[in-house]
C-alpha atoms as a PDB file:
ATOM      1  CA  MET A   1     -51.038  43.545 116.384  1.00  0.00           C
ATOM      2  CA  LEU A   2     -48.895  41.896 118.763  1.00  0.00           C
ATOM      3  CA  LEU A   3     -46.463  39.939 116.377  1.00  0.00           C
ATOM      4  CA  LEU A   4     -46.011  43.165 114.711  1.00  0.00           C
ATOM      5  CA  ALA A   5     -45.330  45.156 118.621  1.00  0.00           C
ATOM      6  CA  MET A   6     -42.931  42.017 118.727  1.00  0.00           C
ATOM      7  CA  GLY A   7     -41.013  42.770 115.820  1.00  0.00           C
ATOM      8  CA  GLY A   8     -40.542  46.216 116.527  1.00  0.00           C
ATOM      9  CA  CYS A   9     -39.540  46.198 120.204  1.00  0.00           C
ATOM     10  CA  ARG A  10     -35.961  44.309 119.117  1.00  0.00           C
ATOM     11  CA  THR A  11     -33.029  47.267 119.733  1.00  0.00           C
ATOM     12  CA  ALA A  12     -29.949  47.673 117.816  1.00  0.00           C
ATOM     13  CA  PRO A  13     -26.853  46.411 120.086  1.00  0.00           C
ATOM     14  CA  PRO A  14     -25.181  49.105 121.985  1.00  0.00           C
ATOM     15  CA  ARG A  15     -22.566  50.918 120.129  1.00  0.00           C
ATOM     16  CA  PRO A  16     -18.484  49.893 121.631  1.00  0.00           C
ATOM     17  CA  ALA A  17     -17.638  52.876 124.468  1.00  0.00           C
ATOM     18  CA  PHE A  18     -14.547  54.396 124.699  1.00  0.00           C
ATOM     19  CA  GLY A  19     -12.439  57.088 126.798  1.00  0.00           C
ATOM     20  CA  ILE A  20      -9.853  58.558 124.329  1.00  0.00           C
ATOM     21  CA  ARG A  21      -7.609  61.557 125.687  1.00  0.00           C
ATOM     22  CA  LEU A  22      -5.998  64.162 122.944  1.00  0.00           C
ATOM     23  CA  ALA A  23      -3.660  66.396 123.340  1.00  0.00           C
ATOM     24  CA  GLY A  24      -1.392  68.623 121.294  1.00  0.00           C
ATOM     25  CA  ALA A  25      -2.271  71.773 119.019  1.00  0.00           C
ATOM     26  CA  GLN A  26      -5.271  73.563 119.306  1.00  0.00           C
ATOM     27  CA  ILE A  27      -6.615  73.698 115.771  1.00  0.00           C
ATOM     28  CA  PRO A  28      -6.514  69.663 115.611  1.00  0.00           C
ATOM     29  CA  THR A  29      -6.897  69.180 118.750  1.00  0.00           C
ATOM     30  CA  GLU A  30     -10.450  70.667 118.803  1.00  0.00           C
ATOM     31  CA  LEU A  31     -10.664  69.734 114.767  1.00  0.00           C
ATOM     32  CA  VAL A  32     -10.365  65.636 115.691  1.00  0.00           C
ATOM     33  CA  ALA A  33     -12.330  65.758 119.176  1.00  0.00           C
ATOM     34  CA  SER A  34     -15.772  67.424 116.985  1.00  0.00           C
ATOM     35  CA  TRP A  35     -15.010  64.751 114.664  1.00  0.00           C
ATOM     36  CA  LEU A  36     -14.974  61.439 116.895  1.00  0.00           C
ATOM     37  CA  GLY A  37     -17.771  63.128 119.027  1.00  0.00           C
ATOM     38  CA  ASN A  38     -19.829  62.239 115.952  1.00  0.00           C
ATOM     39  CA  ALA A  39     -18.839  58.883 115.342  1.00  0.00           C
ATOM     40  CA  GLU A  40     -21.853  56.387 114.448  1.00  0.00           C
ATOM     41  CA  GLU A  41     -20.577  53.502 115.077  1.00  0.00           C
ATOM     42  CA  CYS A  42     -18.910  53.995 118.181  1.00  0.00           C
ATOM     43  CA  ARG A  43     -18.876  56.749 121.007  1.00  0.00           C
ATOM     44  CA  PHE A  44     -16.163  58.368 122.230  1.00  0.00           C
ATOM     45  CA  LYS A  45     -15.313  60.243 125.650  1.00  0.00           C
ATOM     46  CA  VAL A  46     -13.108  62.581 125.151  1.00  0.00           C
ATOM     47  CA  GLU A  47     -10.647  64.272 127.149  1.00  0.00           C
ATOM     48  CA  GLN A  48      -8.191  66.715 125.612  1.00  0.00           C
ATOM     49  CA  VAL A  49      -5.075  66.657 128.221  1.00  0.00           C
ATOM     50  CA  GLY A  50      -3.508  70.352 128.611  1.00  0.00           C
ATOM     51  CA  PRO A  51      -1.920  72.640 127.256  1.00  0.00           C
ATOM     52  CA  VAL A  52      -3.929  72.279 123.875  1.00  0.00           C
ATOM     53  CA  TYR A  53      -1.678  74.504 122.559  1.00  0.00           C
ATOM     54  CA  LEU A  54       1.987  73.323 120.411  1.00  0.00           C
ATOM     55  CA  SER A  55       2.163  70.431 118.716  1.00  0.00           C
ATOM     56  CA  GLN A  56       5.408  69.609 121.093  1.00  0.00           C
ATOM     57  CA  HIS A  57       2.655  70.185 123.729  1.00  0.00           C
ATOM     58  CA  GLY A  58       1.126  66.283 122.274  1.00  0.00           C
ATOM     59  CA  PHE A  59       4.430  64.818 121.150  1.00  0.00           C
ATOM     60  CA  GLN A  60       5.709  65.483 125.283  1.00  0.00           C
ATOM     61  CA  ASN A  61       2.180  64.300 126.552  1.00  0.00           C
ATOM     62  CA  LEU A  62       2.138  61.250 124.419  1.00  0.00           C
ATOM     63  CA  ARG A  63       6.115  60.521 125.546  1.00  0.00           C
ATOM     64  CA  ASP A  64       4.730  60.652 129.463  1.00  0.00           C
ATOM     65  CA  GLY A  65       1.634  58.399 128.927  1.00  0.00           C
ATOM     66  CA  LYS A  66      -0.268  61.204 129.342  1.00  0.00           C
ATOM     67  CA  CYS A  67      -2.257  60.679 126.023  1.00  0.00           C
ATOM     68  CA  ASP A  68      -3.185  58.949 123.634  1.00  0.00           C
ATOM     69  CA  ILE A  69      -3.292  60.799 120.937  1.00  0.00           C
ATOM     70  CA  ALA A  70      -1.216  63.286 119.725  1.00  0.00           C
ATOM     71  CA  CYS A  71      -2.190  65.582 117.293  1.00  0.00           C
ATOM     72  CA  THR A  72      -0.054  67.872 115.643  1.00  0.00           C
ATOM     73  CA  ASP A  73       0.162  70.204 112.392  1.00  0.00           C
ATOM     74  CA  ARG A  74       3.452  69.224 111.701  1.00  0.00           C
ATOM     75  CA  MET A  75       5.683  65.987 111.606  1.00  0.00           C
ATOM     76  CA  ILE A  76       7.747  65.340 114.367  1.00  0.00           C
ATOM     77  CA  THR A  77      11.126  66.162 114.171  1.00  0.00           C
ATOM     78  CA  PRO A  78      14.204  63.659 114.987  1.00  0.00           C
ATOM     79  CA  ARG A  79      14.848  65.421 118.286  1.00  0.00           C
ATOM     80  CA  GLU A  80      11.293  64.463 119.954  1.00  0.00           C
ATOM     81  CA  TYR A  81      11.469  60.925 118.340  1.00  0.00           C
ATOM     82  CA  ALA A  82      14.382  60.204 120.147  1.00  0.00           C
ATOM     83  CA  GLU A  83      12.749  60.974 123.019  1.00  0.00           C
ATOM     84  CA  PHE A  84      10.533  57.946 123.301  1.00  0.00           C
ATOM     85  CA  ASP A  85      11.285  54.543 123.716  1.00  0.00           C
ATOM     86  CA  GLU A  86      12.383  51.040 121.971  1.00  0.00           C
ATOM     87  CA  HIS A  87       8.443  50.359 121.505  1.00  0.00           C
ATOM     88  CA  GLY A  88       8.423  52.975 118.931  1.00  0.00           C
ATOM     89  CA  LEU A  89       5.161  55.135 117.049  1.00  0.00           C
ATOM     90  CA  LYS A  90       3.070  55.570 114.212  1.00  0.00           C
ATOM     91  CA  GLY A  91       1.570  58.639 112.431  1.00  0.00           C
ATOM     92  CA  TYR A  92      -0.697  59.114 110.130  1.00  0.00           C
ATOM     93  CA  ARG A  93      -1.435  62.614 108.088  1.00  0.00           C
ATOM     94  CA  VAL A  94      -5.369  62.195 108.283  1.00  0.00           C
ATOM     95  CA  ALA A  95      -6.452  65.260 107.195  1.00  0.00           C
ATOM     96  CA  PHE A  96      -4.963  68.986 105.518  1.00  0.00           C
ATOM     97  CA  TYR A  97      -7.111  72.430 106.017  1.00  0.00           C
ATOM     98  CA  GLY A  98      -5.676  75.216 103.669  1.00  0.00           C
ATOM     99  CA  TYR A  99      -6.414  78.814 101.495  1.00  0.00           C
ATOM    100  CA  GLY A 100      -5.958  79.407  98.855  1.00  0.00           C
ATOM    101  CA  LEU A 101      -5.563  83.339  96.627  1.00  0.00           C
ATOM    102  CA  TYR A 102      -7.515  83.883  93.913  1.00  0.00           C
ATOM    103  CA  VAL A 103      -7.194  86.405  90.662  1.00  0.00           C
ATOM    104  CA  HIS A 104      -9.205  87.286  88.301  1.00  0.00           C
ATOM    105  CA  PRO A 105      -8.596  84.401  85.322  1.00  0.00           C
ATOM    106  CA  ASP A 106      -7.100  87.710  82.999  1.00  0.00           C
ATOM    107  CA  ASN A 107      -4.841  88.856  85.597  1.00  0.00           C
ATOM    108  CA  PRO A 108      -0.668  88.474  84.216  1.00  0.00           C
ATOM    109  CA  LEU A 109       0.775  87.511  88.029  1.00  0.00           C
ATOM    110  CA  ASP A 110       1.805  83.879  88.069  1.00  0.00           C
ATOM    111  CA  SER A 111       3.105  83.636  91.381  1.00  0.00           C
ATOM    112  CA  LEU A 112       3.575  85.438  94.471  1.00  0.00           C
ATOM    113  CA  TYR A 113       6.636  85.876  97.269  1.00  0.00           C
ATOM    114  CA  ALA A 114       5.241  84.647 100.521  1.00  0.00           C
ATOM    115  CA  GLY A 115       7.395  87.616 102.458  1.00  0.00           C
ATOM    116  CA  HIS A 116       4.790  90.163 100.296  1.00  0.00           C
ATOM    117  CA  LEU A 117       1.466  88.870 101.904  1.00  0.00           C
ATOM    118  CA  GLU A 118       2.646  90.532 104.583  1.00  0.00           C
ATOM    119  CA  LEU A 119       3.460  93.945 103.605  1.00  0.00           C
ATOM    120  CA  LEU A 120       0.037  93.790 101.118  1.00  0.00           C
ATOM    121  CA  PHE A 121      -1.969  93.034 104.045  1.00  0.00           C
ATOM    122  CA  GLN A 122      -1.005  95.381 105.893  1.00  0.00           C
ATOM    123  CA  ARG A 123      -1.462  97.979 103.543  1.00  0.00           C
ATOM    124  CA  LYS A 124       2.622  98.660 102.844  1.00  0.00           C
ATOM    125  CA  LEU A 125       2.204  97.402  99.036  1.00  0.00           C
ATOM    126  CA  THR A 126      -0.847  98.662  96.998  1.00  0.00           C
ATOM    127  CA  ASP A 127      -0.560  98.650  93.553  1.00  0.00           C
ATOM    128  CA  TRP A 128      -0.442  95.565  91.285  1.00  0.00           C
ATOM    129  CA  ARG A 129       3.272  97.639  89.565  1.00  0.00           C
ATOM    130  CA  GLU A 130       4.199  96.645  92.720  1.00  0.00           C
ATOM    131  CA  LEU A 131       4.137  93.225  92.438  1.00  0.00           C
ATOM    132  CA  GLY A 132       6.096  93.499  89.053  1.00  0.00           C
ATOM    133  CA  THR A 133       2.571  92.857  86.776  1.00  0.00           C
ATOM    134  CA  PRO A 134       1.835  95.574  84.125  1.00  0.00           C
ATOM    135  CA  TYR A 135      -1.192  96.149  85.538  1.00  0.00           C
ATOM    136  CA  GLU A 136      -1.938  99.698  87.019  1.00  0.00           C
ATOM    137  CA  GLY A 137      -4.234 100.063  89.608  1.00  0.00           C
ATOM    138  CA  PRO A 138      -5.192  99.617  93.410  1.00  0.00           C
ATOM    139  CA  ILE A 139      -4.957  96.280  94.483  1.00  0.00           C
ATOM    140  CA  ARG A 140      -8.793  95.246  96.261  1.00  0.00           C
ATOM    141  CA  LEU A 141      -8.357  92.878  99.012  1.00  0.00           C
ATOM    142  CA  VAL A 142     -11.199  90.541 100.049  1.00  0.00           C
ATOM    143  CA  GLY A 143     -10.931  88.081 102.103  1.00  0.00           C
ATOM    144  CA  PRO A 144     -12.670  85.944 104.663  1.00  0.00           C
ATOM    145  CA  LYS A 145     -14.719  88.027 108.191  1.00  0.00           C
ATOM    146  CA  LYS A 146     -11.802  88.503 110.670  1.00  0.00           C
ATOM    147  CA  SER A 147     -13.566  85.729 113.821  1.00  0.00           C
ATOM    148  CA  THR A 148     -13.465  82.964 111.326  1.00  0.00           C
ATOM    149  CA  ARG A 149     -10.606  79.891 111.054  1.00  0.00           C
ATOM    150  CA  GLY A 150      -9.875  81.801 107.744  1.00  0.00           C
ATOM    151  CA  GLY A 151      -9.906  84.944 109.044  1.00  0.00           C
ATOM    152  CA  MET A 152      -7.191  84.488 112.307  1.00  0.00           C
ATOM    153  CA  ILE A 153      -4.876  82.646 110.169  1.00  0.00           C
ATOM    154  CA  LEU A 154      -4.801  85.434 107.767  1.00  0.00           C
ATOM    155  CA  MET A 155      -3.719  88.031 110.674  1.00  0.00           C
ATOM    156  CA  ARG A 156      -1.249  85.264 112.152  1.00  0.00           C
ATOM    157  CA  GLN A 157       0.221  84.686 108.321  1.00  0.00           C
ATOM    158  CA  ALA A 158       0.460  89.064 107.798  1.00  0.00           C
ATOM    159  CA  ASN A 159       1.177  89.385 111.034  1.00  0.00           C
ATOM    160  CA  ILE A 160      -1.545  92.207 111.536  1.00  0.00           C
ATOM    161  CA  TRP A 161      -3.855  92.272 115.194  1.00  0.00           C
ATOM    162  CA  PHE A 162      -5.639  95.253 114.578  1.00  0.00           C
ATOM    163  CA  ASP A 163      -9.213  96.284 115.904  1.00  0.00           C
ATOM    164  CA  LYS A 164     -10.609  95.776 111.957  1.00  0.00           C
ATOM    165  CA  PRO A 165      -9.190  93.742 108.877  1.00  0.00           C
ATOM    166  CA  THR A 166      -7.510  95.509 106.372  1.00  0.00           C
ATOM    167  CA  TRP A 167      -8.937  93.771 103.549  1.00  0.00           C
ATOM    168  CA  GLU A 168     -13.053  93.899 103.034  1.00  0.00           C
ATOM    169  CA  PRO A 169     -14.263  91.042 104.546  1.00  0.00           C
ATOM    170  CA  LEU A 170     -17.025  89.082 103.288  1.00  0.00           C
ATOM    171  CA  GLN A 171     -19.689  86.673 104.359  1.00  0.00           C
ATOM    172  CA  SER A 172     -18.427  83.746 102.814  1.00  0.00           C
ATOM    173  CA  ASN A 173     -16.149  81.898 100.343  1.00  0.00           C
ATOM    174  CA  LEU A 174     -18.899  82.640  97.204  1.00  0.00           C
ATOM    175  CA  ALA A 175     -18.580  85.890  98.272  1.00  0.00           C
ATOM    176  CA  ILE A 176     -15.251  86.331  97.439  1.00  0.00           C
ATOM    177  CA  ILE A 177     -15.268  84.626  94.734  1.00  0.00           C
ATOM    178  CA  ALA A 178     -17.277  85.870  93.297  1.00  0.00           C
ATOM    179  CA  ALA A 179     -15.726  89.644  93.900  1.00  0.00           C
ATOM    180  CA  VAL A 180     -12.874  88.595  92.442  1.00  0.00           C
ATOM    181  CA  ALA A 181     -14.349  86.817  89.537  1.00  0.00           C
ATOM    182  CA  SER A 182     -16.095  89.789  88.777  1.00  0.00           C
ATOM    183  CA  ASP A 183     -12.978  92.529  89.340  1.00  0.00           C
ATOM    184  CA  PRO A 184      -9.850  92.042  87.912  1.00  0.00           C
ATOM    185  CA  PHE A 185      -7.971  94.488  90.055  1.00  0.00           C
ATOM    186  CA  ALA A 186      -9.243  91.740  93.403  1.00  0.00           C
ATOM    187  CA  LEU A 187      -7.422  89.361  95.189  1.00  0.00           C
ATOM    188  CA  GLY A 188      -8.999  86.866  97.541  1.00  0.00           C
ATOM    189  CA  PHE A 189      -7.723  84.806 100.230  1.00  0.00           C
ATOM    190  CA  ALA A 190     -10.393  81.479 100.441  1.00  0.00           C
ATOM    191  CA  ASP A 191     -11.183  78.408 101.345  1.00  0.00           C
ATOM    192  CA  ILE A 192      -9.020  76.372  99.056  1.00  0.00           C
ATOM    193  CA  GLY A 193     -11.427  74.260  96.369  1.00  0.00           C
ATOM    194  CA  PHE A 194     -12.978  77.629  94.867  1.00  0.00           C
ATOM    195  CA  ASP A 195     -11.341  77.631  92.010  1.00  0.00           C
ATOM    196  CA  HIS A 196     -14.675  78.228  89.094  1.00  0.00           C
ATOM    197  CA  GLY A 197     -14.275  81.867  87.296  1.00  0.00           C
ATOM    198  CA  VAL A 198     -10.955  82.664  88.898  1.00  0.00           C
ATOM    199  CA  ARG A 199      -7.782  81.243  89.349  1.00  0.00           C
ATOM    200  CA  TYR A 200      -5.426  80.712  92.156  1.00  0.00           C
ATOM    201  CA  LEU A 201      -2.175  81.856  92.829  1.00  0.00           C
ATOM    202  CA  GLY A 202       0.626  80.197  92.951  1.00  0.00           C
ATOM    203  CA  LEU A 203       3.345  80.775  96.356  1.00  0.00           C
ATOM    204  CA  ARG A 204       6.849  81.580  96.885  1.00  0.00           C
ATOM    205  CA  MET A 205       8.283  80.892 100.105  1.00  0.00           C
ATOM    206  CA  ARG A 206      11.545  81.986  99.011  1.00  0.00           C
ATOM    207  CA  ARG A 207      12.046  83.657  96.069  1.00  0.00           C
ATOM    208  CA  SER A 208      13.927  81.556  93.662  1.00  0.00           C
ATOM    209  CA  ASP A 209      11.481  78.339  94.442  1.00  0.00           C
ATOM    210  CA  PRO A 210       8.698  78.033  91.585  1.00  0.00           C
ATOM    211  CA  PRO A 211       5.273  78.829  92.603  1.00  0.00           C
ATOM    212  CA  ALA A 212       3.746  76.002  94.300  1.00  0.00           C
ATOM    213  CA  PHE A 213      -0.830  75.734  93.712  1.00  0.00           C
ATOM    214  CA  PRO A 214      -2.616  74.278  96.260  1.00  0.00           C
ATOM    215  CA  SER A 215      -2.609  70.308  95.221  1.00  0.00           C
ATOM    216  CA  LEU A 216      -2.869  67.690  97.704  1.00  0.00           C
ATOM    217  CA  GLU A 217       1.164  66.748  96.826  1.00  0.00           C
ATOM    218  CA  GLU A 218       2.613  70.267  97.549  1.00  0.00           C
ATOM    219  CA  ILE A 219       0.815  70.725 100.588  1.00  0.00           C
ATOM    220  CA  GLU A 220       1.699  66.888 101.630  1.00  0.00           C
ATOM    221  CA  SER A 221       5.282  68.302 101.287  1.00  0.00           C
ATOM    222  CA  GLU A 222       4.872  71.198 103.333  1.00  0.00           C
ATOM    223  CA  ARG A 223       5.804  73.302  99.391  1.00  0.00           C
ATOM    224  CA  TYR A 224       2.213  74.844  99.781  1.00  0.00           C
ATOM    225  CA  GLY A 225       2.458  77.650 103.147  1.00  0.00           C
ATOM    226  CA  LEU A 226      -1.059  78.805 103.096  1.00  0.00           C
ATOM    227  CA  ALA A 227      -2.191  74.939 104.154  1.00  0.00           C
ATOM    228  CA  LYS A 228      -1.825  72.554 107.685  1.00  0.00           C
ATOM    229  CA  VAL A 229      -1.672  68.990 107.605  1.00  0.00           C
ATOM    230  CA  ILE A 230      -2.986  67.338 110.645  1.00  0.00           C
ATOM    231  CA  TYR A 231      -1.924  64.512 112.187  1.00  0.00           C
ATOM    232  CA  VAL A 232      -1.951  62.131 114.442  1.00  0.00           C
ATOM    233  CA  TYR A 233       0.269  60.252 116.783  1.00  0.00           C
ATOM    234  CA  MET A 234       0.046  57.032 118.506  1.00  0.00           C
ATOM    235  CA  PRO A 235       2.636  53.972 120.116  1.00  0.00           C
ATOM    236  CA  THR A 236       3.227  51.155 117.375  1.00  0.00           C
ATOM    237  CA  ASP A 237       1.216  49.282 120.268  1.00  0.00           C
ATOM    238  CA  ALA A 238      -1.675  51.126 120.636  1.00  0.00           C
ATOM    239  CA  SER A 239      -4.669  51.638 123.241  1.00  0.00           C
ATOM    240  CA  PRO A 240      -8.374  49.732 121.845  1.00  0.00           C
ATOM    241  CA  ALA A 241      -9.554  53.295 122.093  1.00  0.00           C
ATOM    242  CA  ALA A 242      -7.013  54.829 120.103  1.00  0.00           C
ATOM    243  CA  GLU A 243      -6.938  52.261 117.036  1.00  0.00           C
ATOM    244  CA  ALA A 244     -10.860  53.084 117.312  1.00  0.00           C
ATOM    245  CA  ALA A 245     -10.196  56.461 116.891  1.00  0.00           C
ATOM    246  CA  LEU A 246      -8.672  56.106 113.715  1.00  0.00           C
ATOM    247  CA  ASP A 247     -10.655  53.476 111.809  1.00  0.00           C
ATOM    248  CA  HIS A 248     -13.289  55.751 112.629  1.00  0.00           C
ATOM    249  CA  LEU A 249     -10.832  59.101 111.191  1.00  0.00           C
ATOM    250  CA  PHE A 250     -10.142  56.984 108.095  1.00  0.00           C
ATOM    251  CA  SER A 251     -14.196  55.597 108.014  1.00  0.00           C
ATOM    252  CA  GLU A 252     -16.836  57.146 105.320  1.00  0.00           C
ATOM    253  CA  ASP A 253     -18.207  58.200 108.495  1.00  0.00           C
ATOM    254  CA  GLY A 254     -14.871  60.239 109.312  1.00  0.00           C
ATOM    255  CA  ARG A 255     -15.067  61.878 105.874  1.00  0.00           C
ATOM    256  CA  GLU A 256     -17.781  63.406 106.492  1.00  0.00           C
ATOM    257  CA  ALA A 257     -17.604  64.671 110.209  1.00  0.00           C
ATOM    258  CA  MET A 258     -14.317  65.975 108.524  1.00  0.00           C
ATOM    259  CA  GLU A 259     -16.064  67.723 105.440  1.00  0.00           C
ATOM    260  CA  SER A 260     -18.538  69.076 107.732  1.00  0.00           C
ATOM    261  CA  THR A 261     -15.304  71.563 109.683  1.00  0.00           C
ATOM    262  CA  ARG A 262     -14.226  72.434 105.842  1.00  0.00           C
ATOM    263  CA  VAL A 263     -11.478  70.085 105.690  1.00  0.00           C
ATOM    264  CA  TRP A 264     -10.140  67.109 103.593  1.00  0.00           C
ATOM    265  CA  ALA A 265      -9.678  63.812 103.807  1.00  0.00           C
ATOM    266  CA  ILE A 266      -7.078  61.827 103.239  1.00  0.00           C
ATOM    267  CA  PRO A 267      -6.909  58.794 101.910  1.00  0.00           C
ATOM    268  CA  ARG A 268      -5.348  56.088 104.382  1.00  0.00           C
ATOM    269  CA  ALA A 269      -3.446  54.607 101.190  1.00  0.00           C
ATOM    270  CA  ARG A 270      -1.297  57.870 101.639  1.00  0.00           C
ATOM    271  CA  ALA A 271      -2.143  58.398 105.130  1.00  0.00           C
ATOM    272  CA  ALA A 272       1.051  57.006 106.719  1.00  0.00           C
ATOM    273  CA  VAL A 273       4.462  59.048 107.799  1.00  0.00           C
ATOM    274  CA  GLU A 274       8.056  58.189 108.189  1.00  0.00           C
ATOM    275  CA  MET A 275       9.249  58.189 110.984  1.00  0.00           C
ATOM    276  CA  PRO A 276      12.853  60.221 111.517  1.00  0.00           C
ATOM    277  CA  ARG A 277      16.337  57.543 111.427  1.00  0.00           C
END
């Protein structure tokens, strides 16, 4: 019993601890903070440096040495990059989140012009004939609750800020997909990755563009307007805390943390961002 007790008293070595300062756009910064907060191999004490609102705030704070990592939803511009000294930057795509427009398999429409999305959700386009289809009948709009991330993005995309959503709000992605699968006149807005028994409607950012669909390649090239890539930027000679955070984001532990927040991880092999010249 004494030997067993002695064997059972061994304690695991303490996890390395790092203080890490994040700045940037609101959704990327809050997501990266949550992923680091769930790390098992390290302990991260996360500080968010304000204002946590736009990507440019992340680049400004990184330039001024006020944060370790800038968390953004877009790539750095040549003008922003020119403000950094000779030490330079490195950047990575770490994940993306996005939404799809879903229609019934029998729906003949292959794609939608992004400019019509605003009109649809403002209820200024209400019949399938108005979109150039042989369908005749009212468009049934279904989507997430207004209080969800998807609901907020949909309101911003459609430029509507009403007390009540202009679509039929449903409880979950699965409920939205089920509604579309059972109704040829439905148009659903839900997280990507639920194209079972339904199909994606392509999106054209300009009228003359070919339709873009929510594939990783289209999302990384920013041709698909209903998805956002999450980027992290840090100095080339990044701090040990920033390097540890980066390792966590590309670990299996990090991938699981991302998936728990309904975000898709990007493999490290294709993550590096080319800096402006």
